[in-house]
Amino acid sequence: MGKTISEKILSVHCRKDLTAGEIGIADVDFAFAHDGTGPLAYKAFSEMEGDRVFDSSRIALVVDHTVPSYSEEVANYQNLTRAFAAKYGTLLYNDGSGICHWVIPEHGHILPGTLAIGADSHTCTLGALNAFATGVGSSEFASVMLTGQIWLRVPRTIKVHILGSFAKYISAKDLVLSLARRLGASGASYKTLEFCGEGIKNIPVEGRFTICNMAVEMGAKAGIFPADNLTEEWLSRRTEKSICGVDADGDASYESHLEFELDTIEPMVSVPHSIDNAVPVRDLAGREIQLVFIGGCTNGGYESLQVAAEVMKGKSIASKVRLVVQPCSRETYIEAANAGVLGSLAAAGAMINAPGCGPCCGQVGGIPADGEQVVSTTNRNYRGRMGNKNASIYLVSPATAAACAIAGCIVDPREIA
């Protein structure tokens, strides 16, 4: 019997032949944490009597969740990350570098076939590069820093077959919200979502980041794409290391199969307060909003900002709407600035934040007020996610978010652009 991509990667890293449901001790290629989860891991590391990390060149700490710091307490808490990095020689990506799920791959740390462990649930984002990437808790991350290993049960795999191509202003975010609607918030619990089919050639790497990022919103352990020419082109600009993809075998065993025709996908919106409460945008057309956020590890990349600027070209945001834009990384910020994208968004009325997580996790950069309706390109809309349990979050694509900012209400981007 053939193997899925997950079975192949984990068999190599556990140094024994494994199939879905079996457990192994895996060698970790790269591990990272951020200023939110790191301090608890450092405490656990100390309690384990750790005096060194397994390989300082393969561990990165990123300050991204609360930047710039807004209080003495937060600043001191973040210094724990800087101090740990200095003491043990790990890589450090400091304030303004961007969100860990973008900074790590942009610096060439993730290659096809690798195993990446992060102290954050959205570590699965990196599956876009044909890696097995998954999040763990702070204590388990401390153990990984100490030993360079982790025990894993090989997930069963759901095969998601993709055909066709997106229409204008339809994107990966609309696809993954459609997938969440079909699977439900727990429909992929401790499974891998493996994406395949001729349609994936029409999904750029940034779009694949979006899809794999939100795999965990359906309970998945990992989301993963095969490596192709788009993967190789994206990585070749960031690393000189050889790129060798891992493909599923033709006779691999899957728990179930799903199929999506990209040509039939329409603008989608996930309605408060559950990710799988997704409906076509047309069903909510005209619903008034007060705050729009374009950014986050799900949709803060250059292509997301570019399409938002395209939709908003020559227009201004509605008078009763606030628009916050936050690039996902310094690389994206510079590219968008040089291309005039940030200037165009600012001219339309947007406030531009420094690279980081911002209001997505409800820390800084645009917390909504009581009763406000928020349109966001991020990945979660449960009550209180953006820092106020009395606000309501609607998840959409960057194109839809930009259109909503202009209209002052939920609207199909094709009606604005």
Protein backbone atom coordinates (compact mmCIF):
# COMPACT_ATOMS: atom_id res chain seq x y z
CA MET A 1 0.00 0.00 0.00
CA GLY A 2 1.28 3.46 -0.92
CA LYS A 3 1.69 6.39 1.46
CA THR A 4 0.29 9.86 1.88
CA ILE A 5 2.62 12.86 2.10
CA SER A 6 2.29 12.89 5.90
CA GLU A 7 3.08 9.19 6.19
CA LYS A 8 6.19 9.62 4.05
CA ILE A 9 7.57 12.65 5.90
CA LEU A 10 6.94 11.22 9.36
CA SER A 11 8.33 7.80 8.44
CA VAL A 12 11.61 9.44 7.42
CA HIS A 13 11.78 11.58 10.56
CA CYS A 14 10.87 8.71 12.88
CA ARG A 15 13.36 6.44 11.10
CA LYS A 16 10.85 3.65 10.69
CA ASP A 17 8.01 2.73 8.38
CA LEU A 18 4.77 4.26 9.69
CA THR A 19 1.18 4.42 8.55
CA ALA A 20 -1.77 6.44 9.81
CA GLY A 21 -2.58 5.81 13.44
CA GLU A 22 0.92 4.66 14.43
CA ILE A 23 3.17 6.56 16.84
CA GLY A 24 6.83 7.42 16.46
CA ILE A 25 9.55 9.62 17.93
CA ALA A 26 10.46 12.14 15.25
CA ASP A 27 13.58 14.23 14.68
CA VAL A 28 12.62 17.89 14.32
CA ASP A 29 14.17 20.00 11.55
CA PHE A 30 13.11 23.41 12.82
CA ALA A 31 11.29 24.80 15.86
CA PHE A 32 10.03 28.27 16.75
CA ALA A 33 7.98 30.20 19.29
CA HIS A 34 6.81 33.78 19.73
CA ASP A 35 6.53 36.32 22.51
CA GLY A 36 3.11 35.01 23.54
CA THR A 37 3.98 31.32 23.97
CA GLY A 38 7.74 31.51 24.46
CA PRO A 39 7.94 32.68 28.09
CA LEU A 40 5.99 29.67 29.34
CA ALA A 41 8.29 27.43 27.32
CA TYR A 42 11.39 29.07 28.82
CA LYS A 43 10.00 28.42 32.30
CA ALA A 44 9.34 24.77 31.45
CA PHE A 45 12.81 24.49 29.90
CA SER A 46 14.32 25.69 33.18
CA GLU A 47 12.19 23.25 35.18
CA MET A 48 13.51 20.46 32.94
CA GLU A 49 16.99 21.61 34.01
CA GLY A 50 17.90 22.45 30.45
CA ASP A 51 21.36 23.97 30.11
CA ARG A 52 21.54 24.01 26.30
CA VAL A 53 19.28 23.66 23.29
CA PHE A 54 19.62 20.80 20.82
CA ASP A 55 20.75 23.07 17.96
CA SER A 56 20.63 26.86 18.27
CA SER A 57 20.68 27.30 14.48
CA ARG A 58 17.41 25.38 14.17
CA ILE A 59 15.42 27.26 16.81
CA ALA A 60 13.95 30.72 16.25
CA LEU A 61 12.17 33.06 18.63
CA VAL A 62 9.99 35.79 17.16
CA VAL A 63 8.59 38.93 18.80
CA ASP A 64 5.36 39.43 16.85
CA HIS A 65 2.19 39.25 18.93
CA THR A 66 2.25 42.56 20.79
CA VAL A 67 4.37 44.99 18.79
CA PRO A 68 5.16 47.68 19.50
CA SER A 69 4.66 46.95 23.20
CA TYR A 70 1.97 49.08 24.83
CA SER A 71 2.96 48.84 28.49
CA GLU A 72 5.86 48.34 30.87
CA GLU A 73 4.51 44.88 31.72
CA VAL A 74 4.40 43.77 28.08
CA ALA A 75 7.85 45.18 27.35
CA ASN A 76 9.35 43.31 30.30
CA TYR A 77 7.56 40.10 29.28
CA GLN A 78 8.96 40.37 25.76
CA ASN A 79 12.44 40.82 27.16
CA LEU A 80 12.23 37.22 28.39
CA THR A 81 12.34 36.14 24.74
CA ARG A 82 15.31 38.33 23.93
CA ALA A 83 17.15 37.14 27.03
CA PHE A 84 16.56 33.45 26.26
CA ALA A 85 17.77 33.91 22.68
CA ALA A 86 20.90 35.66 23.91
CA LYS A 87 21.64 33.04 26.56
CA TYR A 88 21.23 29.98 24.35
CA GLY A 89 22.25 31.46 21.00
CA THR A 90 18.99 30.80 19.18
CA LEU A 91 17.87 32.85 16.21
CA LEU A 92 15.93 35.97 17.18
CA TYR A 93 13.55 37.90 14.95
CA ASN A 94 12.82 41.03 16.92
CA ASP A 95 9.99 43.59 16.89
CA GLY A 96 8.98 44.60 13.37
CA SER A 97 10.34 41.47 11.68
CA GLY A 98 6.80 40.22 11.26
CA ILE A 99 4.63 37.24 12.12
CA CYS A 100 6.48 34.00 12.85
CA HIS A 101 4.52 31.97 10.28
CA TRP A 102 5.85 34.29 7.55
CA VAL A 103 9.25 35.27 8.93
CA ILE A 104 10.40 31.65 9.33
CA PRO A 105 9.73 30.55 5.72
CA GLU A 106 10.86 33.89 4.26
CA HIS A 107 14.29 33.30 5.79
CA GLY A 108 14.59 29.88 4.16
CA HIS A 109 14.18 27.75 7.27
CA ILE A 110 11.43 25.50 5.84
CA LEU A 111 11.93 23.17 2.89
CA PRO A 112 9.77 20.46 1.32
CA GLY A 113 9.86 17.23 3.29
CA THR A 114 10.90 18.86 6.55
CA LEU A 115 9.28 18.60 9.98
CA ALA A 116 8.58 21.93 11.67
CA ILE A 117 7.24 22.37 15.20
CA GLY A 118 5.94 25.69 16.49
CA ALA A 119 4.51 26.85 19.80
CA ASP A 120 1.45 28.20 18.00
CA SER A 121 -1.57 26.47 16.51
CA HIS A 122 -1.15 28.13 13.12
CA THR A 123 2.23 26.50 12.54
CA CYS A 124 0.36 24.37 10.00
CA THR A 125 0.70 27.38 7.65
CA LEU A 126 4.09 26.01 6.60
CA GLY A 127 2.51 22.96 5.00
CA ALA A 128 2.09 25.23 1.99
CA LEU A 129 5.76 24.49 1.30
CA ASN A 130 5.29 20.70 1.35
CA ALA A 131 6.48 20.39 4.95
CA PHE A 132 4.76 18.61 7.83
CA ALA A 133 4.26 21.49 10.25
CA THR A 134 2.18 21.48 13.40
CA GLY A 135 1.70 23.42 16.61
CA VAL A 136 2.29 22.25 20.18
CA GLY A 137 1.92 23.63 23.68
CA SER A 138 4.65 25.54 25.49
CA SER A 139 5.79 22.61 27.67
CA GLU A 140 6.11 20.30 24.70
CA PHE A 141 7.97 23.00 22.82
CA ALA A 142 10.43 23.23 25.73
CA SER A 143 11.05 19.51 25.37
CA VAL A 144 11.69 19.95 21.64
CA MET A 145 14.23 22.70 22.34
CA LEU A 146 16.00 20.39 24.75
CA THR A 147 15.95 17.13 22.79
CA GLY A 148 15.29 18.00 19.15
CA GLN A 149 12.61 15.31 19.10
CA ILE A 150 8.86 14.93 19.52
CA TRP A 151 6.44 12.03 19.62
CA LEU A 152 3.67 12.13 17.04
CA ARG A 153 0.83 9.92 15.98
CA VAL A 154 0.64 9.82 12.20
CA PRO A 155 -2.62 11.53 11.18
CA ARG A 156 -5.16 10.01 8.88
CA THR A 157 -5.52 12.08 5.73
CA ILE A 158 -8.43 13.75 3.96
CA LYS A 159 -7.68 14.28 0.29
CA VAL A 160 -8.93 17.60 -1.09
CA HIS A 161 -8.93 17.54 -4.88
CA ILE A 162 -8.96 20.96 -6.54
CA LEU A 163 -9.91 21.70 -10.13
CA GLY A 164 -10.23 24.82 -12.28
CA SER A 165 -9.21 28.39 -11.54
CA PHE A 166 -10.54 31.35 -9.56
CA ALA A 167 -12.63 34.08 -11.12
CA LYS A 168 -11.50 37.69 -10.58
CA TYR A 169 -11.60 38.80 -6.92
CA ILE A 170 -12.15 35.23 -5.73
CA SER A 171 -9.23 33.73 -3.82
CA ALA A 172 -7.88 31.05 -1.51
CA LYS A 173 -9.70 32.61 1.47
CA ASP A 174 -13.04 32.01 -0.23
CA LEU A 175 -12.01 28.42 -0.93
CA VAL A 176 -10.95 27.65 2.63
CA LEU A 177 -14.13 29.20 4.06
CA SER A 178 -16.08 26.97 1.66
CA LEU A 179 -14.06 24.01 2.95
CA ALA A 180 -14.80 24.96 6.57
CA ARG A 181 -18.49 25.16 5.75
CA ARG A 182 -18.39 21.64 4.34
CA LEU A 183 -16.18 19.99 6.97
CA GLY A 184 -17.25 21.89 10.08
CA ALA A 185 -15.06 23.24 12.86
CA SER A 186 -14.03 19.75 13.97
CA GLY A 187 -14.43 17.75 10.78
CA ALA A 188 -10.71 17.22 10.35
CA SER A 189 -9.71 16.66 13.99
CA TYR A 190 -6.16 15.25 14.22
CA LYS A 191 -6.09 14.67 10.48
CA THR A 192 -4.05 16.03 7.61
CA LEU A 193 -5.76 17.97 4.87
CA GLU A 194 -3.75 17.06 1.75
CA PHE A 195 -4.44 19.28 -1.27
CA CYS A 196 -3.95 18.04 -4.82
CA GLY A 197 -5.32 18.27 -8.34
CA GLU A 198 -4.61 20.32 -11.44
CA GLY A 199 -6.27 23.35 -9.87
CA ILE A 200 -3.50 23.88 -7.32
CA LYS A 201 -1.28 25.32 -10.05
CA ASN A 202 -3.69 28.26 -10.02
CA ILE A 203 -3.21 28.86 -6.29
CA PRO A 204 -0.06 30.91 -5.57
CA VAL A 205 2.13 30.10 -2.59
CA GLU A 206 0.61 32.95 -0.59
CA GLY A 207 -2.84 31.46 -1.20
CA ARG A 208 -1.55 28.08 -0.07
CA PHE A 209 -0.35 29.72 3.14
CA THR A 210 -3.91 30.95 3.69
CA ILE A 211 -5.41 27.51 3.17
CA CYS A 212 -2.92 25.59 5.31
CA ASN A 213 -3.09 28.25 8.02
CA MET A 214 -6.80 27.66 8.44
CA ALA A 215 -6.58 23.85 8.38
CA VAL A 216 -6.38 23.98 12.17
CA GLU A 217 -9.71 25.83 12.24
CA MET A 218 -11.25 22.54 11.15
CA GLY A 219 -9.30 20.66 13.80
CA ALA A 220 -6.55 19.44 11.48
CA LYS A 221 -3.11 18.48 12.73
CA ALA A 222 -1.63 19.66 9.44
CA GLY A 223 -2.46 20.98 6.02
CA ILE A 224 -0.09 20.20 3.17
CA PHE A 225 0.44 20.86 -0.52
CA PRO A 226 2.75 18.97 -2.86
CA ALA A 227 5.82 20.85 -4.08
CA ASP A 228 5.68 22.17 -7.65
CA ASN A 229 7.27 24.87 -9.78
CA LEU A 230 5.53 27.60 -7.75
CA THR A 231 7.03 26.18 -4.55
CA GLU A 232 10.47 25.97 -6.09
CA GLU A 233 10.32 29.52 -7.46
CA TRP A 234 9.21 30.95 -4.08
CA LEU A 235 11.91 29.08 -2.16
CA SER A 236 14.70 29.67 -4.66
CA ARG A 237 14.57 33.38 -3.81
CA ARG A 238 15.13 32.56 -0.14
CA THR A 239 17.53 29.63 0.05
CA GLU A 240 20.34 28.02 -1.91
CA LYS A 241 19.57 24.60 -0.47
CA SER A 242 18.32 21.86 -2.78
CA ILE A 243 14.56 21.56 -3.06
CA CYS A 244 13.15 18.04 -3.27
CA GLY A 245 9.41 17.62 -2.94
CA VAL A 246 7.48 14.75 -1.37
CA ASP A 247 4.49 13.41 -3.30
CA ALA A 248 1.77 11.02 -2.23
CA ASP A 249 1.76 7.59 -3.85
CA GLY A 250 -0.95 6.87 -6.38
CA ASP A 251 -2.29 4.03 -4.24
CA ALA A 252 -2.15 5.88 -0.90
CA SER A 253 -5.02 5.27 1.49
CA TYR A 254 -7.22 8.23 2.46
CA GLU A 255 -9.94 8.51 5.05
CA SER A 256 -12.14 10.49 2.67
CA HIS A 257 -12.09 12.57 -0.49
CA LEU A 258 -13.44 16.06 -1.18
CA GLU A 259 -13.51 17.94 -4.46
CA PHE A 260 -13.76 21.65 -5.24
CA GLU A 261 -14.17 23.41 -8.59
CA LEU A 262 -12.52 26.80 -8.20
CA ASP A 263 -14.65 28.20 -11.01
CA THR A 264 -17.75 27.72 -8.86
CA ILE A 265 -16.39 29.37 -5.70
CA GLU A 266 -17.95 32.75 -4.87
CA PRO A 267 -17.08 35.40 -2.26
CA MET A 268 -17.63 33.90 1.17
CA VAL A 269 -18.02 35.26 4.69
CA SER A 270 -17.73 33.42 8.00
CA VAL A 271 -20.44 34.77 10.30
CA PRO A 272 -19.93 35.29 14.05
CA HIS A 273 -19.06 33.41 16.13
CA SER A 274 -17.89 30.23 14.41
CA ILE A 275 -15.51 29.60 11.52
CA ASP A 276 -17.78 27.01 9.91
CA ASN A 277 -20.74 29.39 9.90
CA ALA A 278 -19.74 30.40 6.37
CA VAL A 279 -22.16 31.66 3.75
CA PRO A 280 -21.94 33.48 0.42
CA VAL A 281 -21.35 37.21 0.83
CA ARG A 282 -24.56 37.89 -1.08
CA ASP A 283 -26.54 36.42 1.82
CA LEU A 284 -25.37 39.25 4.09
CA ALA A 285 -25.17 42.06 1.53
CA GLY A 286 -25.92 45.43 3.05
CA ARG A 287 -25.10 44.58 6.66
CA GLU A 288 -23.43 47.67 8.16
CA ILE A 289 -19.88 47.49 9.54
CA GLN A 290 -17.64 49.81 11.54
CA LEU A 291 -14.12 48.33 11.40
CA VAL A 292 -12.16 46.52 8.68
CA PHE A 293 -8.84 44.75 9.27
CA ILE A 294 -6.65 43.55 6.40
CA GLY A 295 -3.66 41.57 7.65
CA GLY A 296 -2.73 38.67 9.89
CA CYS A 297 -0.82 35.49 9.15
CA THR A 298 -3.75 34.38 6.99
CA ASN A 299 -3.95 37.35 4.62
CA GLY A 300 -1.24 39.88 5.39
CA GLY A 301 1.02 39.04 2.44
CA TYR A 302 1.89 41.23 -0.54
CA GLU A 303 -0.69 39.71 -2.87
CA SER A 304 -3.43 40.25 -0.29
CA LEU A 305 -2.48 43.91 0.13
CA GLN A 306 -2.13 44.35 -3.61
CA VAL A 307 -5.62 43.09 -4.42
CA ALA A 308 -7.08 45.26 -1.66
CA ALA A 309 -5.35 48.30 -3.15
CA GLU A 310 -6.63 47.35 -6.60
CA VAL A 311 -10.23 47.19 -5.35
CA MET A 312 -9.83 50.53 -3.57
CA LYS A 313 -8.00 52.36 -6.36
CA GLY A 314 -9.37 55.88 -6.75
CA LYS A 315 -11.88 55.35 -3.94
CA SER A 316 -12.09 56.22 -0.24
CA ILE A 317 -13.36 54.30 2.74
CA ALA A 318 -16.88 55.03 3.99
CA SER A 319 -17.08 57.87 6.51
CA LYS A 320 -18.28 55.63 9.33
CA VAL A 321 -15.65 52.93 8.76
CA ARG A 322 -12.10 52.56 10.13
CA LEU A 323 -9.64 50.54 8.06
CA VAL A 324 -6.51 49.02 9.61
CA VAL A 325 -3.89 47.40 7.37
CA GLN A 326 -1.01 45.35 8.76
CA PRO A 327 1.64 43.68 6.56
CA CYS A 328 2.63 40.23 7.77
CA SER A 329 6.38 40.83 7.60
CA ARG A 330 9.09 43.40 6.99
CA GLU A 331 9.73 41.82 3.59
CA THR A 332 6.08 42.35 2.66
CA TYR A 333 6.06 45.87 4.12
CA ILE A 334 9.05 46.92 2.01
CA GLU A 335 7.71 45.31 -1.15
CA ALA A 336 4.28 46.89 -0.70
CA ALA A 337 5.83 50.27 0.10
CA ASN A 338 8.13 50.21 -2.93
CA ALA A 339 5.25 49.21 -5.21
CA GLY A 340 3.06 52.04 -3.95
CA VAL A 341 0.53 49.62 -2.48
CA LEU A 342 0.76 50.99 1.06
CA GLY A 343 0.55 54.54 -0.22
CA SER A 344 -2.54 53.69 -2.22
CA LEU A 345 -4.23 52.09 0.79
CA ALA A 346 -3.29 55.03 3.01
CA ALA A 347 -4.66 57.46 0.42
CA ALA A 348 -7.96 55.59 0.56
CA GLY A 349 -8.08 56.14 4.33
CA ALA A 350 -6.25 53.13 5.78
CA MET A 351 -4.11 53.22 8.92
CA ILE A 352 -0.91 51.21 8.35
CA ASN A 353 0.48 49.23 11.29
CA ALA A 354 4.00 47.90 11.69
CA PRO A 355 4.48 44.22 10.72
CA GLY A 356 3.04 41.85 13.33
CA CYS A 357 -0.14 40.21 14.54
CA GLY A 358 -1.92 43.35 15.71
CA PRO A 359 -5.64 43.22 16.43
CA CYS A 360 -6.02 39.63 15.18
CA CYS A 361 -5.17 38.28 18.62
CA GLY A 362 -6.78 41.18 20.46
CA GLN A 363 -3.62 42.80 21.78
CA VAL A 364 -2.78 46.00 19.93
CA GLY A 365 -3.41 47.89 16.72
CA GLY A 366 -7.17 48.28 16.46
CA ILE A 367 -9.36 46.67 19.11
CA PRO A 368 -13.08 47.06 18.30
CA ALA A 369 -15.58 48.79 20.57
CA ASP A 370 -18.70 47.23 22.10
CA GLY A 371 -21.31 46.27 19.55
CA GLU A 372 -19.12 46.91 16.53
CA GLN A 373 -19.33 44.76 13.42
CA VAL A 374 -15.82 43.89 12.22
CA VAL A 375 -14.84 42.60 8.79
CA SER A 376 -11.45 40.87 9.00
CA THR A 377 -9.13 38.83 6.78
CA THR A 378 -7.84 36.85 9.77
CA ASN A 379 -8.52 33.24 10.75
CA ARG A 380 -10.76 33.24 13.82
CA ASN A 381 -14.06 34.87 14.69
CA TYR A 382 -15.00 33.38 18.04
CA ARG A 383 -16.34 35.77 20.64
CA GLY A 384 -13.60 37.98 22.05
CA ARG A 385 -10.93 36.96 19.52
CA MET A 386 -10.02 40.54 18.58
CA GLY A 387 -10.01 41.76 22.16
CA ASN A 388 -13.67 42.56 22.78
CA LYS A 389 -16.25 39.86 23.53
CA ASN A 390 -19.01 42.36 22.71
CA ALA A 391 -17.88 42.81 19.09
CA SER A 392 -18.76 40.58 16.12
CA ILE A 393 -16.17 39.38 13.59
CA TYR A 394 -16.91 38.49 9.97
CA LEU A 395 -14.08 36.68 8.13
CA VAL A 396 -13.60 37.46 4.44
CA SER A 397 -10.99 37.67 1.69
CA PRO A 398 -8.84 40.78 1.17
CA ALA A 399 -10.84 41.78 -1.91
CA THR A 400 -14.11 41.53 -0.01
CA ALA A 401 -12.65 43.38 2.99
CA ALA A 402 -11.54 46.27 0.78
CA ALA A 403 -14.94 46.44 -0.90
CA CYS A 404 -16.67 46.47 2.49
CA ALA A 405 -14.47 49.34 3.67
CA ILE A 406 -15.56 51.39 0.68
CA ALA A 407 -19.25 50.51 0.90
CA GLY A 408 -19.55 50.69 4.68
CA CYS A 409 -21.35 47.38 4.61
CA ILE A 410 -20.81 43.78 3.57
CA VAL A 411 -20.69 43.63 -0.21
CA ASP A 412 -19.44 41.47 -3.08
CA PRO A 413 -16.10 42.94 -4.27
CA ARG A 414 -17.16 42.46 -7.89
CA GLU A 415 -19.85 45.10 -7.36
CA ILE A 416 -17.31 47.70 -6.21
CA ALA A 417 -14.23 47.19 -8.34
